Structure formats: C-alpha cells, structure tokens
N, C-alpha and C. Protein backbone atom coordinates (compact mmCIF):
# COMPACT_ATOMS: atom_id res chain seq x y z
N VAL A 1 26.96 33.98 10.54
CA VAL A 1 26.71 34.90 9.46
C VAL A 1 26.95 34.17 8.14
N ILE A 2 25.98 34.27 7.25
CA ILE A 2 26.08 33.65 5.94
C ILE A 2 26.28 34.75 4.92
N PRO A 3 27.41 34.71 4.21
CA PRO A 3 27.62 35.76 3.20
C PRO A 3 26.66 35.57 2.03
N ALA A 4 26.08 36.65 1.56
CA ALA A 4 25.15 36.58 0.42
C ALA A 4 25.00 37.98 -0.16
N ASN A 5 24.43 38.03 -1.33
CA ASN A 5 24.18 39.34 -1.92
C ASN A 5 22.77 39.80 -1.53
N ASP A 6 22.38 40.97 -1.98
CA ASP A 6 21.10 41.55 -1.59
C ASP A 6 19.91 40.75 -2.14
N ASP A 7 20.09 40.09 -3.27
CA ASP A 7 18.99 39.34 -3.88
C ASP A 7 18.74 38.00 -3.19
N ALA A 8 19.69 37.52 -2.39
CA ALA A 8 19.55 36.21 -1.76
C ALA A 8 18.34 36.17 -0.83
N THR A 9 18.14 37.22 -0.05
CA THR A 9 17.01 37.21 0.88
C THR A 9 15.69 37.24 0.13
N LYS A 10 15.67 37.97 -0.98
CA LYS A 10 14.44 38.02 -1.79
C LYS A 10 14.18 36.67 -2.44
N SER A 11 15.25 36.02 -2.90
CA SER A 11 15.10 34.69 -3.52
C SER A 11 14.58 33.68 -2.50
N ILE A 12 15.13 33.74 -1.31
CA ILE A 12 14.69 32.83 -0.25
C ILE A 12 13.23 33.10 0.09
N ALA A 13 12.84 34.35 0.13
CA ALA A 13 11.45 34.70 0.43
C ALA A 13 10.51 34.15 -0.64
N VAL A 14 10.91 34.26 -1.90
CA VAL A 14 10.08 33.75 -3.00
C VAL A 14 9.94 32.23 -2.89
N ILE A 15 11.05 31.55 -2.62
CA ILE A 15 11.02 30.09 -2.50
C ILE A 15 10.16 29.67 -1.31
N LEU A 16 10.35 30.34 -0.18
CA LEU A 16 9.56 30.00 1.01
C LEU A 16 8.07 30.25 0.79
N ASP A 17 7.73 31.33 0.10
CA ASP A 17 6.33 31.60 -0.22
C ASP A 17 5.74 30.47 -1.06
N ALA A 18 6.51 30.01 -2.05
CA ALA A 18 6.04 28.92 -2.91
C ALA A 18 5.86 27.63 -2.12
N VAL A 19 6.83 27.32 -1.25
CA VAL A 19 6.76 26.10 -0.45
C VAL A 19 5.59 26.18 0.53
N CYS A 20 5.44 27.30 1.20
CA CYS A 20 4.34 27.46 2.16
C CYS A 20 2.99 27.38 1.46
N GLY A 21 2.89 27.95 0.27
CA GLY A 21 1.66 27.87 -0.50
C GLY A 21 1.33 26.44 -0.88
N ALA A 22 2.35 25.68 -1.29
CA ALA A 22 2.13 24.28 -1.66
C ALA A 22 1.72 23.45 -0.45
N ILE A 23 2.33 23.72 0.69
CA ILE A 23 1.98 23.00 1.91
C ILE A 23 0.54 23.28 2.31
N SER A 24 0.16 24.54 2.31
CA SER A 24 -1.21 24.89 2.71
C SER A 24 -2.23 24.32 1.73
N GLU A 25 -1.90 24.31 0.44
CA GLU A 25 -2.79 23.73 -0.56
C GLU A 25 -2.94 22.22 -0.33
N GLY A 26 -1.82 21.55 -0.05
CA GLY A 26 -1.86 20.11 0.22
C GLY A 26 -2.67 19.79 1.46
N LEU A 27 -2.51 20.59 2.51
CA LEU A 27 -3.27 20.37 3.74
C LEU A 27 -4.77 20.56 3.49
N GLU A 28 -5.12 21.55 2.70
CA GLU A 28 -6.53 21.80 2.39
C GLU A 28 -7.11 20.63 1.60
N GLU A 29 -6.36 20.13 0.61
CA GLU A 29 -6.83 18.99 -0.18
C GLU A 29 -7.00 17.76 0.71
N ARG A 30 -6.05 17.55 1.61
CA ARG A 30 -6.13 16.40 2.52
C ARG A 30 -7.36 16.51 3.42
N LYS A 31 -7.63 17.71 3.90
CA LYS A 31 -8.79 17.93 4.76
C LYS A 31 -10.07 17.62 4.00
N LEU A 32 -10.16 18.07 2.75
CA LEU A 32 -11.35 17.82 1.93
C LEU A 32 -11.51 16.33 1.65
N GLU A 33 -10.40 15.63 1.38
CA GLU A 33 -10.46 14.19 1.12
C GLU A 33 -10.95 13.43 2.35
N LYS A 34 -10.47 13.83 3.54
CA LYS A 34 -10.91 13.17 4.76
C LYS A 34 -12.39 13.40 5.01
N GLU A 35 -12.86 14.61 4.76
CA GLU A 35 -14.28 14.90 4.93
C GLU A 35 -15.12 14.08 3.95
N LYS A 36 -14.66 13.98 2.72
CA LYS A 36 -15.38 13.21 1.71
C LYS A 36 -15.40 11.73 2.09
N GLU A 37 -14.28 11.22 2.57
CA GLU A 37 -14.20 9.82 2.99
C GLU A 37 -15.12 9.56 4.18
N ALA A 38 -15.19 10.49 5.11
CA ALA A 38 -16.06 10.34 6.27
C ALA A 38 -17.52 10.32 5.83
N GLN A 39 -17.88 11.16 4.87
CA GLN A 39 -19.26 11.17 4.37
C GLN A 39 -19.59 9.87 3.66
N GLU A 40 -18.64 9.32 2.89
CA GLU A 40 -18.87 8.05 2.21
C GLU A 40 -19.02 6.92 3.21
N ASN A 41 -18.23 6.93 4.28
CA ASN A 41 -18.33 5.89 5.30
C ASN A 41 -19.68 5.96 6.00
N GLU A 42 -20.15 7.18 6.27
CA GLU A 42 -21.46 7.33 6.90
C GLU A 42 -22.56 6.83 5.99
N ALA A 43 -22.43 7.05 4.70
CA ALA A 43 -23.44 6.61 3.74
C ALA A 43 -23.45 5.09 3.63
N HIS A 44 -22.30 4.45 3.78
CA HIS A 44 -22.22 3.00 3.64
C HIS A 44 -22.51 2.26 4.94
N GLU A 45 -22.64 2.95 6.04
CA GLU A 45 -22.92 2.28 7.32
C GLU A 45 -24.28 1.61 7.31
N GLY A 46 -25.22 2.14 6.59
CA GLY A 46 -26.56 1.57 6.53
C GLY A 46 -26.65 0.37 5.61
N ASP A 47 -25.68 0.17 4.77
CA ASP A 47 -25.68 -0.96 3.85
C ASP A 47 -25.48 -2.26 4.61
N ALA A 48 -25.76 -3.36 3.93
CA ALA A 48 -25.56 -4.68 4.53
C ALA A 48 -24.08 -4.87 4.83
N PRO A 49 -23.78 -5.47 5.97
CA PRO A 49 -22.37 -5.66 6.32
C PRO A 49 -21.69 -6.63 5.35
N ALA A 50 -20.48 -6.31 5.00
CA ALA A 50 -19.73 -7.16 4.09
C ALA A 50 -19.15 -8.34 4.87
N LYS A 51 -19.00 -9.45 4.19
CA LYS A 51 -18.41 -10.62 4.83
C LYS A 51 -16.92 -10.40 4.97
N LYS A 52 -16.47 -10.35 6.20
CA LYS A 52 -15.05 -10.20 6.44
C LYS A 52 -14.38 -11.56 6.59
N ASP A 53 -15.17 -12.56 6.93
CA ASP A 53 -14.63 -13.89 7.15
C ASP A 53 -14.71 -14.76 5.91
N ALA A 54 -14.98 -14.16 4.78
CA ALA A 54 -15.09 -14.93 3.55
C ALA A 54 -13.74 -15.54 3.22
N LYS A 55 -13.75 -16.85 3.01
CA LYS A 55 -12.51 -17.56 2.70
C LYS A 55 -12.34 -17.61 1.19
N PRO A 56 -11.12 -17.42 0.75
CA PRO A 56 -10.90 -17.54 -0.69
C PRO A 56 -11.09 -18.99 -1.12
N ARG A 57 -11.73 -19.17 -2.24
CA ARG A 57 -11.99 -20.52 -2.73
C ARG A 57 -10.93 -20.90 -3.75
N ILE A 58 -10.40 -22.08 -3.55
CA ILE A 58 -9.39 -22.59 -4.47
C ILE A 58 -10.04 -23.68 -5.31
N LYS A 59 -9.89 -23.56 -6.59
CA LYS A 59 -10.48 -24.55 -7.48
C LYS A 59 -9.79 -25.89 -7.26
N LYS A 60 -10.55 -26.94 -7.48
CA LYS A 60 -10.02 -28.28 -7.25
C LYS A 60 -8.83 -28.58 -8.14
N ALA A 61 -8.86 -28.10 -9.37
CA ALA A 61 -7.75 -28.36 -10.29
C ALA A 61 -6.46 -27.72 -9.80
N VAL A 62 -6.55 -26.51 -9.28
CA VAL A 62 -5.37 -25.83 -8.77
C VAL A 62 -4.85 -26.55 -7.55
N LYS A 63 -5.75 -26.95 -6.68
CA LYS A 63 -5.35 -27.65 -5.47
C LYS A 63 -4.71 -28.99 -5.82
N ALA A 64 -5.26 -29.68 -6.82
CA ALA A 64 -4.69 -30.96 -7.23
C ALA A 64 -3.29 -30.77 -7.80
N SER A 65 -3.08 -29.71 -8.57
CA SER A 65 -1.75 -29.48 -9.13
C SER A 65 -0.74 -29.13 -8.04
N VAL A 66 -1.18 -28.40 -7.03
CA VAL A 66 -0.31 -28.08 -5.90
C VAL A 66 0.06 -29.35 -5.16
N ASP A 67 -0.93 -30.23 -4.95
CA ASP A 67 -0.66 -31.50 -4.28
C ASP A 67 0.32 -32.34 -5.09
N ALA A 68 0.17 -32.34 -6.41
CA ALA A 68 1.07 -33.10 -7.27
C ALA A 68 2.49 -32.55 -7.19
N GLU A 69 2.62 -31.23 -7.15
CA GLU A 69 3.94 -30.62 -7.04
C GLU A 69 4.59 -30.96 -5.70
N GLU A 70 3.80 -30.94 -4.64
CA GLU A 70 4.33 -31.28 -3.32
C GLU A 70 4.78 -32.74 -3.29
N ALA A 71 4.03 -33.62 -3.93
CA ALA A 71 4.40 -35.03 -3.99
C ALA A 71 5.71 -35.19 -4.76
N ALA A 72 5.87 -34.46 -5.85
CA ALA A 72 7.10 -34.53 -6.64
C ALA A 72 8.29 -34.04 -5.83
N VAL A 73 8.10 -32.99 -5.08
CA VAL A 73 9.18 -32.46 -4.23
C VAL A 73 9.54 -33.48 -3.17
N ALA A 74 8.54 -34.12 -2.58
CA ALA A 74 8.80 -35.14 -1.56
C ALA A 74 9.58 -36.30 -2.15
N GLU A 75 9.27 -36.70 -3.39
CA GLU A 75 10.01 -37.79 -4.04
C GLU A 75 11.46 -37.40 -4.26
N VAL A 76 11.70 -36.18 -4.69
CA VAL A 76 13.07 -35.71 -4.93
C VAL A 76 13.84 -35.68 -3.62
N VAL A 77 13.22 -35.21 -2.57
CA VAL A 77 13.88 -35.15 -1.26
C VAL A 77 14.22 -36.56 -0.79
N ALA A 78 13.28 -37.49 -0.95
CA ALA A 78 13.52 -38.87 -0.53
C ALA A 78 14.65 -39.49 -1.34
N ALA A 79 14.68 -39.24 -2.64
CA ALA A 79 15.73 -39.79 -3.49
C ALA A 79 17.08 -39.20 -3.11
N THR A 80 17.11 -37.92 -2.79
CA THR A 80 18.36 -37.26 -2.40
C THR A 80 18.86 -37.82 -1.08
N GLU A 81 17.96 -38.07 -0.15
CA GLU A 81 18.35 -38.63 1.14
C GLU A 81 18.90 -40.04 0.98
N GLN A 82 18.31 -40.82 0.08
CA GLN A 82 18.79 -42.19 -0.14
C GLN A 82 20.19 -42.17 -0.75
N LYS A 83 20.45 -41.24 -1.67
CA LYS A 83 21.77 -41.15 -2.29
C LYS A 83 22.81 -40.67 -1.28
N ALA A 84 22.39 -39.83 -0.34
CA ALA A 84 23.31 -39.29 0.65
C ALA A 84 23.75 -40.37 1.63
N GLU A 85 22.91 -41.37 1.86
CA GLU A 85 23.25 -42.44 2.81
C GLU A 85 24.13 -43.39 2.13
C-alpha cells in the first residue's frame, strides 16, 4: 500500500496518458520513416550499383610524408637502442 492523497491517482493518470501518447506518436513516426526508407531503397535498386570495393586514394605527398615520419621514428628507436647498450 502506497500512501497518497486523492489527487495522486489523477496526477499519475495524466502523466501516464502523456507518456503513452508520446510513445504511440514516436512509434507512428518510426513506422512512417521505415516505409519511406523502404520506398527510397526500392527506387534506388534500379540505379547503377555503387562501387563497394573502391579503395581510398592517398596522394603521393601524404604518403611520402608518412614514410619520412616512419623513417624518423626508426632512427630515434635505433639511437635509443644504441644508447641503452
């Protein structure tokens, strides 16, 4: 038994009505979004297939700078190992 006044049950009913309304509204919106997405997917099925295996291209300058950084790190590691011995 939960002690409460007479207005507590009415307050709970109002809150539950608001929550239930929000839930049903959200479910309806979700249903409409799924239907819209399904229609868009059906419309795009006839289009040319997109390349899924497309490899990202790295510019030569970026690759060269990465190689230079790796070489610098290797030099530091080698120098540290020589000092440790």
